[in-house]
Amino acid sequence: TTFPVKLPEMCIRLHGCRPGTLVMDPFMGIGSTALAAIALDVDYIGFEIDPTYQAIAEARIAEARGQD
């Protein structure tokens, strides 16, 4: 399921954004949680076994970081 970046962003904020916060997403999909973590300046780690979703997530993350 895809969902807007604001959803994981709200969850991360709810649980606290402190220095050293690490967000883990065991089902990364297209990377919405990673994008939320980037927007909130917290670290993240994610796992995805589908190569199509992985490629989409990597492209979205690179774009968010300005690494087109």
Foldseek 3Di string as FASTA:
>chain_A
DDDALVVLLVVDVVVHDDPADEAEAADQFQNSNVLSCVVSVYHYDYDHDDPVRVVNNVVVNCVSVVND
